[in-house]
Protein backbone atom coordinates (compact mmCIF):
# COMPACT_ATOMS: atom_id res chain seq x y z
CA MET A 1 -39.75 4.41 -77.30
CA ILE A 2 -38.22 3.57 -73.93
CA HIS A 3 -39.16 0.23 -72.46
CA PRO A 4 -40.04 -0.03 -69.60
CA ARG A 5 -41.81 3.30 -69.40
CA ILE A 6 -40.64 5.87 -66.86
CA ASP A 7 -44.14 6.07 -65.34
CA ASP A 8 -44.06 2.32 -64.64
CA LEU A 9 -40.58 2.55 -63.12
CA LEU A 10 -41.54 5.40 -60.79
CA GLN A 11 -44.20 3.19 -59.18
CA ASN A 12 -41.42 1.04 -57.67
CA VAL A 13 -39.10 3.81 -56.42
CA ASP A 14 -39.50 6.99 -54.39
CA SER A 15 -38.26 9.52 -56.95
CA ARG A 16 -36.48 9.99 -60.24
CA TYR A 17 -33.26 10.52 -58.31
CA ALA A 18 -33.65 7.14 -56.60
CA LEU A 19 -34.42 5.54 -59.97
CA VAL A 20 -31.19 6.86 -61.48
CA ILE A 21 -29.05 5.80 -58.52
CA VAL A 22 -30.56 2.31 -58.16
CA ALA A 23 -30.47 1.60 -61.91
CA ALA A 24 -26.87 2.81 -62.27
CA LYS A 25 -25.62 0.76 -59.32
CA ARG A 26 -27.42 -2.37 -60.49
CA ALA A 27 -26.14 -1.93 -64.07
CA ARG A 28 -22.62 -1.68 -62.65
CA GLN A 29 -23.16 -4.92 -60.72
CA ILE A 30 -24.40 -6.72 -63.85
CA ASN A 31 -21.39 -5.41 -65.80
CA ASN A 32 -19.01 -6.66 -63.09
CA TYR A 33 -20.75 -10.04 -63.06
CA HIS A 34 -20.25 -10.48 -66.81
CA HIS A 35 -16.59 -9.48 -66.58
CA GLN A 36 -16.00 -11.96 -63.75
CA LEU A 37 -17.43 -14.82 -65.80
CA GLY A 38 -14.31 -14.82 -67.96
CA GLU A 39 -12.01 -14.75 -64.94
CA GLY A 40 -13.82 -17.54 -63.08
CA THR A 41 -14.31 -15.45 -59.92
CA PHE A 42 -17.67 -14.64 -58.39
CA ASP A 43 -17.76 -11.88 -55.80
CA ASP A 44 -20.77 -9.90 -54.57
CA ASN A 45 -22.24 -9.37 -58.02
CA PRO A 46 -25.40 -11.42 -58.61
CA PRO A 47 -26.40 -12.37 -62.16
CA PRO A 48 -29.24 -10.57 -63.95
CA LEU A 49 -32.60 -11.35 -62.36
CA VAL A 50 -34.58 -11.13 -65.62
CA GLU A 51 -34.39 -12.73 -69.03
CA SER A 52 -33.86 -9.79 -71.36
CA ARG A 53 -33.60 -9.49 -75.12
CA SER A 54 -31.38 -6.47 -74.58
CA LYS A 55 -27.64 -6.71 -74.09
CA ASN A 56 -27.58 -3.29 -72.44
CA TYR A 57 -26.92 -3.60 -68.70
CA LEU A 58 -28.86 -0.43 -67.86
CA THR A 59 -31.93 -1.78 -69.67
CA MET A 60 -31.63 -5.04 -67.72
CA ALA A 61 -31.47 -3.06 -64.47
CA MET A 62 -34.55 -1.03 -65.39
CA GLU A 63 -36.46 -4.20 -66.28
CA GLU A 64 -35.59 -5.58 -62.83
CA ILE A 65 -36.89 -2.38 -61.22
CA SER A 66 -40.05 -2.51 -63.33
CA GLU A 67 -40.80 -6.05 -62.18
CA GLY A 68 -40.20 -5.12 -58.53
CA LEU A 69 -37.21 -7.45 -58.12
CA LEU A 70 -34.94 -4.84 -56.52
CA SER A 71 -35.29 -3.20 -53.16
CA TYR A 72 -33.20 -0.44 -51.61
CA ASP A 73 -33.03 1.71 -48.52
CA TYR A 74 -31.45 5.01 -47.69
CA PRO A 75 -28.47 4.99 -45.33
CA LYS A 76 -29.00 6.97 -42.15
CA SER A 77 -26.73 9.99 -41.87
């Protein structure tokens, strides 16, 4: 079973497309943050915003979305 549930995640985003994009970008940021820990550099990649039992960065990103800790906006074309 997937945790958090897709139905719960969709309450905090506009669409499934937005969910995929936001979760993927945030998972990439968390991955970059963990790689920078070893190098001693900290750029624009904030640490995970939730305490998670999972070591999977995508799961951490989805837990952040589920708790409403992430916000996003669409760029104007």
